[in-house]
Amino acid sequence: MGRKRNRTINLPAPYLKRVWLDRSLVPDWDAYPFCLPIFRDEFDLSFESAITIIAGENGTGKSTILEGIAALAGFDSGGGGKGTGWSIIPTPSK
């Protein structure tokens, strides 16, 4: 097995460093996806390395987190590149 090396990450922007849930903006804790176990307590993920693995039991919200990140980044919830389809989260008007 290889050695673990701590390296500085020099990726070009955008580089995702943190994802969190602002609890004050949740309208209904019984509605999906907020009813999932992963959102019961304070939700805050920090990404500190170039490779991140999200693991957990079925139904805990792993795919939901990734779909939410993709939607906020402007990607189609079904996969693909930017602008290839609709998003479940409205884009804020400028």
N, C-alpha and C. Protein backbone atom coordinates (compact mmCIF):
# COMPACT_ATOMS: atom_id res chain seq x y z
N MET A 1 0.84 -1.16 0.00
CA MET A 1 0.00 0.00 0.00
C MET A 1 0.89 1.23 0.00
N GLY A 2 0.47 2.28 -0.73
CA GLY A 2 1.26 3.50 -0.85
C GLY A 2 1.24 4.34 0.41
N ARG A 3 2.19 5.24 0.47
CA ARG A 3 2.26 6.15 1.60
C ARG A 3 1.21 7.24 1.46
N LYS A 4 0.69 7.68 2.59
CA LYS A 4 -0.24 8.80 2.59
C LYS A 4 0.58 10.08 2.60
N ARG A 5 0.36 10.92 1.60
CA ARG A 5 1.09 12.18 1.52
C ARG A 5 0.11 13.33 1.63
N ASN A 6 0.40 14.25 2.49
CA ASN A 6 -0.38 15.47 2.56
C ASN A 6 0.19 16.45 1.55
N ARG A 7 -0.64 16.79 0.57
CA ARG A 7 -0.19 17.70 -0.47
C ARG A 7 -1.10 18.90 -0.53
N THR A 8 -0.55 20.02 -0.92
CA THR A 8 -1.36 21.20 -1.14
C THR A 8 -2.17 20.99 -2.40
N ILE A 9 -3.43 21.33 -2.35
CA ILE A 9 -4.31 21.17 -3.51
C ILE A 9 -4.26 22.45 -4.32
N ASN A 10 -3.85 22.35 -5.56
CA ASN A 10 -3.75 23.51 -6.44
C ASN A 10 -4.70 23.38 -7.62
N LEU A 11 -5.94 23.05 -7.35
CA LEU A 11 -6.92 22.91 -8.41
C LEU A 11 -7.47 24.28 -8.80
N PRO A 12 -7.82 24.47 -10.07
CA PRO A 12 -8.41 25.74 -10.47
C PRO A 12 -9.83 25.86 -9.92
N ALA A 13 -10.30 27.09 -9.76
CA ALA A 13 -11.66 27.32 -9.29
C ALA A 13 -12.64 26.80 -10.34
N PRO A 14 -13.80 26.33 -10.03
CA PRO A 14 -14.30 26.23 -8.66
C PRO A 14 -13.88 24.92 -8.01
N TYR A 15 -13.44 25.01 -6.80
CA TYR A 15 -13.06 23.84 -6.02
C TYR A 15 -13.93 23.83 -4.78
N LEU A 16 -14.72 22.80 -4.63
CA LEU A 16 -15.66 22.71 -3.53
C LEU A 16 -14.92 22.43 -2.23
N LYS A 17 -15.07 23.31 -1.26
CA LYS A 17 -14.39 23.16 0.01
C LYS A 17 -15.34 22.82 1.15
N ARG A 18 -16.60 23.24 1.03
CA ARG A 18 -17.52 23.03 2.15
C ARG A 18 -18.96 23.04 1.67
N VAL A 19 -19.79 22.20 2.28
CA VAL A 19 -21.22 22.16 2.03
C VAL A 19 -21.91 22.11 3.39
N TRP A 20 -22.91 22.97 3.60
CA TRP A 20 -23.62 22.97 4.87
C TRP A 20 -25.08 23.30 4.61
N LEU A 21 -25.88 23.04 5.60
CA LEU A 21 -27.32 23.31 5.53
C LEU A 21 -27.64 24.45 6.49
N ASP A 22 -28.18 25.52 5.95
CA ASP A 22 -28.61 26.64 6.78
C ASP A 22 -29.99 26.29 7.33
N ARG A 23 -30.04 25.88 8.57
CA ARG A 23 -31.27 25.39 9.18
C ARG A 23 -32.38 26.43 9.20
N SER A 24 -32.03 27.70 9.18
CA SER A 24 -33.05 28.75 9.21
C SER A 24 -33.81 28.86 7.89
N LEU A 25 -33.29 28.25 6.83
CA LEU A 25 -33.94 28.32 5.52
C LEU A 25 -34.79 27.09 5.19
N VAL A 26 -34.87 26.13 6.11
CA VAL A 26 -35.64 24.90 5.86
C VAL A 26 -37.11 25.17 6.21
N PRO A 27 -38.00 25.10 5.21
CA PRO A 27 -39.40 25.41 5.46
C PRO A 27 -40.17 24.31 6.19
N ASP A 28 -39.79 23.03 5.95
CA ASP A 28 -40.54 21.92 6.52
C ASP A 28 -39.60 20.73 6.74
N TRP A 29 -39.31 20.43 8.00
CA TRP A 29 -38.38 19.35 8.34
C TRP A 29 -38.95 17.97 8.05
N ASP A 30 -40.25 17.86 7.81
CA ASP A 30 -40.86 16.58 7.48
C ASP A 30 -40.86 16.31 5.98
N ALA A 31 -40.51 17.32 5.17
CA ALA A 31 -40.51 17.19 3.72
C ALA A 31 -39.16 16.64 3.25
N TYR A 32 -39.20 15.93 2.11
CA TYR A 32 -37.98 15.43 1.48
C TYR A 32 -37.21 16.60 0.90
N PRO A 33 -35.92 16.66 0.99
CA PRO A 33 -34.98 15.70 1.52
C PRO A 33 -34.62 15.93 2.99
N PHE A 34 -35.22 16.93 3.61
CA PHE A 34 -34.83 17.30 4.97
C PHE A 34 -35.20 16.25 6.01
N CYS A 35 -36.10 15.33 5.66
CA CYS A 35 -36.50 14.26 6.57
C CYS A 35 -35.48 13.11 6.61
N LEU A 36 -34.48 13.14 5.74
CA LEU A 36 -33.48 12.07 5.71
C LEU A 36 -32.60 12.11 6.96
N PRO A 37 -32.12 10.94 7.37
CA PRO A 37 -31.31 10.87 8.60
C PRO A 37 -30.09 11.78 8.62
N ILE A 38 -29.49 12.00 7.47
CA ILE A 38 -28.27 12.81 7.44
C ILE A 38 -28.51 14.27 7.83
N PHE A 39 -29.75 14.74 7.71
CA PHE A 39 -30.06 16.13 8.02
C PHE A 39 -30.68 16.32 9.41
N ARG A 40 -30.81 15.26 10.20
CA ARG A 40 -31.43 15.37 11.53
C ARG A 40 -30.66 16.30 12.45
N ASP A 41 -29.35 16.20 12.41
CA ASP A 41 -28.50 17.05 13.25
C ASP A 41 -27.86 18.12 12.36
N GLU A 42 -26.98 18.86 12.93
CA GLU A 42 -26.26 19.89 12.17
C GLU A 42 -25.56 19.23 10.98
N PHE A 43 -25.75 19.75 9.77
CA PHE A 43 -25.13 19.18 8.58
C PHE A 43 -24.07 20.13 8.06
N ASP A 44 -22.82 19.66 8.05
CA ASP A 44 -21.69 20.47 7.59
C ASP A 44 -20.59 19.53 7.13
N LEU A 45 -20.26 19.57 5.84
CA LEU A 45 -19.20 18.74 5.28
C LEU A 45 -18.07 19.63 4.80
N SER A 46 -16.85 19.31 5.18
CA SER A 46 -15.68 20.00 4.68
C SER A 46 -14.87 19.02 3.83
N PHE A 47 -14.44 19.47 2.67
CA PHE A 47 -13.66 18.64 1.77
C PHE A 47 -12.22 19.13 1.84
N GLU A 48 -11.35 18.30 2.40
CA GLU A 48 -9.97 18.73 2.65
C GLU A 48 -8.95 18.04 1.78
N SER A 49 -9.39 17.12 0.93
CA SER A 49 -8.45 16.46 0.02
C SER A 49 -9.07 16.41 -1.37
N ALA A 50 -8.24 16.10 -2.36
CA ALA A 50 -8.69 16.10 -3.74
C ALA A 50 -9.67 14.96 -4.05
N ILE A 51 -9.66 13.92 -3.24
CA ILE A 51 -10.58 12.80 -3.42
C ILE A 51 -11.41 12.66 -2.15
N THR A 52 -12.71 12.63 -2.33
CA THR A 52 -13.61 12.49 -1.19
C THR A 52 -14.53 11.31 -1.45
N ILE A 53 -14.72 10.48 -0.45
CA ILE A 53 -15.61 9.33 -0.54
C ILE A 53 -16.75 9.55 0.44
N ILE A 54 -17.98 9.44 -0.06
CA ILE A 54 -19.15 9.56 0.80
C ILE A 54 -19.73 8.17 0.93
N ALA A 55 -19.70 7.63 2.13
CA ALA A 55 -20.17 6.26 2.37
C ALA A 55 -21.26 6.27 3.43
N GLY A 56 -22.15 5.31 3.34
CA GLY A 56 -23.20 5.19 4.34
C GLY A 56 -24.22 4.15 3.93
N GLU A 57 -25.13 3.89 4.83
CA GLU A 57 -26.19 2.90 4.58
C GLU A 57 -27.15 3.40 3.51
N ASN A 58 -27.89 2.47 2.92
CA ASN A 58 -28.93 2.83 1.95
C ASN A 58 -29.97 3.72 2.60
N GLY A 59 -30.39 4.75 1.86
CA GLY A 59 -31.46 5.62 2.34
C GLY A 59 -31.02 6.72 3.29
N THR A 60 -29.70 6.92 3.46
CA THR A 60 -29.25 7.94 4.40
C THR A 60 -29.03 9.30 3.76
N GLY A 61 -29.02 9.38 2.42
CA GLY A 61 -28.93 10.67 1.75
C GLY A 61 -27.66 10.94 0.97
N LYS A 62 -26.85 9.92 0.70
CA LYS A 62 -25.61 10.13 -0.05
C LYS A 62 -25.87 10.72 -1.43
N SER A 63 -26.74 10.11 -2.18
CA SER A 63 -27.06 10.59 -3.53
C SER A 63 -27.75 11.94 -3.48
N THR A 64 -28.58 12.15 -2.48
CA THR A 64 -29.28 13.43 -2.33
C THR A 64 -28.29 14.57 -2.15
N ILE A 65 -27.26 14.35 -1.36
CA ILE A 65 -26.23 15.38 -1.16
C ILE A 65 -25.55 15.70 -2.49
N LEU A 66 -25.16 14.67 -3.24
CA LEU A 66 -24.48 14.89 -4.51
C LEU A 66 -25.40 15.56 -5.52
N GLU A 67 -26.68 15.18 -5.55
CA GLU A 67 -27.63 15.81 -6.46
C GLU A 67 -27.84 17.28 -6.11
N GLY A 68 -27.87 17.59 -4.81
CA GLY A 68 -28.01 18.97 -4.38
C GLY A 68 -26.81 19.81 -4.77
N ILE A 69 -25.61 19.27 -4.59
CA ILE A 69 -24.40 19.97 -4.98
C ILE A 69 -24.42 20.23 -6.48
N ALA A 70 -24.78 19.20 -7.25
CA ALA A 70 -24.82 19.34 -8.71
C ALA A 70 -25.84 20.39 -9.13
N ALA A 71 -27.01 20.38 -8.52
CA ALA A 71 -28.06 21.34 -8.87
C ALA A 71 -27.62 22.77 -8.57
N LEU A 72 -27.00 22.99 -7.41
CA LEU A 72 -26.53 24.33 -7.07
C LEU A 72 -25.39 24.79 -7.96
N ALA A 73 -24.63 23.83 -8.51
CA ALA A 73 -23.54 24.16 -9.42
C ALA A 73 -24.03 24.37 -10.84
N GLY A 74 -25.34 24.16 -11.08
CA GLY A 74 -25.90 24.39 -12.40
C GLY A 74 -25.93 23.18 -13.30
N PHE A 75 -25.65 22.00 -12.74
CA PHE A 75 -25.68 20.78 -13.55
C PHE A 75 -27.07 20.15 -13.51
N ASP A 76 -27.40 19.42 -14.55
CA ASP A 76 -28.66 18.69 -14.64
C ASP A 76 -28.68 17.63 -13.55
N SER A 77 -29.81 17.46 -12.88
CA SER A 77 -29.90 16.47 -11.81
C SER A 77 -29.75 15.05 -12.33
N GLY A 78 -29.93 14.84 -13.63
CA GLY A 78 -29.77 13.52 -14.23
C GLY A 78 -28.36 13.25 -14.72
N GLY A 79 -27.44 14.17 -14.50
CA GLY A 79 -26.07 14.00 -14.97
C GLY A 79 -25.81 14.84 -16.20
N GLY A 80 -24.58 14.84 -16.65
CA GLY A 80 -24.23 15.60 -17.84
C GLY A 80 -23.53 16.90 -17.49
N GLY A 81 -23.35 17.72 -18.48
CA GLY A 81 -22.63 18.97 -18.30
C GLY A 81 -23.54 20.12 -17.95
N LYS A 82 -22.95 21.29 -17.71
CA LYS A 82 -23.72 22.48 -17.37
C LYS A 82 -24.70 22.81 -18.48
N GLY A 83 -25.89 23.20 -18.08
CA GLY A 83 -26.88 23.66 -19.04
C GLY A 83 -27.49 22.57 -19.89
N THR A 84 -27.33 21.30 -19.52
CA THR A 84 -27.87 20.23 -20.36
C THR A 84 -29.30 19.88 -20.02
N GLY A 85 -29.83 20.45 -18.98
CA GLY A 85 -31.21 20.13 -18.61
C GLY A 85 -31.70 21.01 -17.48
N TRP A 86 -32.77 20.61 -16.86
CA TRP A 86 -33.39 21.41 -15.80
C TRP A 86 -32.73 21.15 -14.46
N SER A 87 -32.94 22.06 -13.54
CA SER A 87 -32.43 21.92 -12.19
C SER A 87 -33.59 22.00 -11.23
N ILE A 88 -33.53 21.26 -10.13
CA ILE A 88 -34.61 21.28 -9.15
C ILE A 88 -34.55 22.51 -8.26
N ILE A 89 -33.43 23.22 -8.30
CA ILE A 89 -33.27 24.41 -7.47
C ILE A 89 -33.23 25.62 -8.37
N PRO A 90 -34.12 26.61 -8.13
CA PRO A 90 -34.14 27.78 -9.01
C PRO A 90 -32.86 28.59 -8.92
N THR A 91 -32.44 29.15 -10.03
CA THR A 91 -31.27 29.99 -10.05
C THR A 91 -31.65 31.38 -9.58
N PRO A 92 -30.89 31.94 -8.62
CA PRO A 92 -31.22 33.28 -8.13
C PRO A 92 -31.10 34.30 -9.25
N SER A 93 -32.03 35.23 -9.30
CA SER A 93 -31.96 36.28 -10.33
C SER A 93 -30.93 37.33 -9.91
N LYS A 94 -30.27 37.89 -10.89
CA LYS A 94 -29.20 38.86 -10.60
C LYS A 94 -29.72 40.27 -10.73
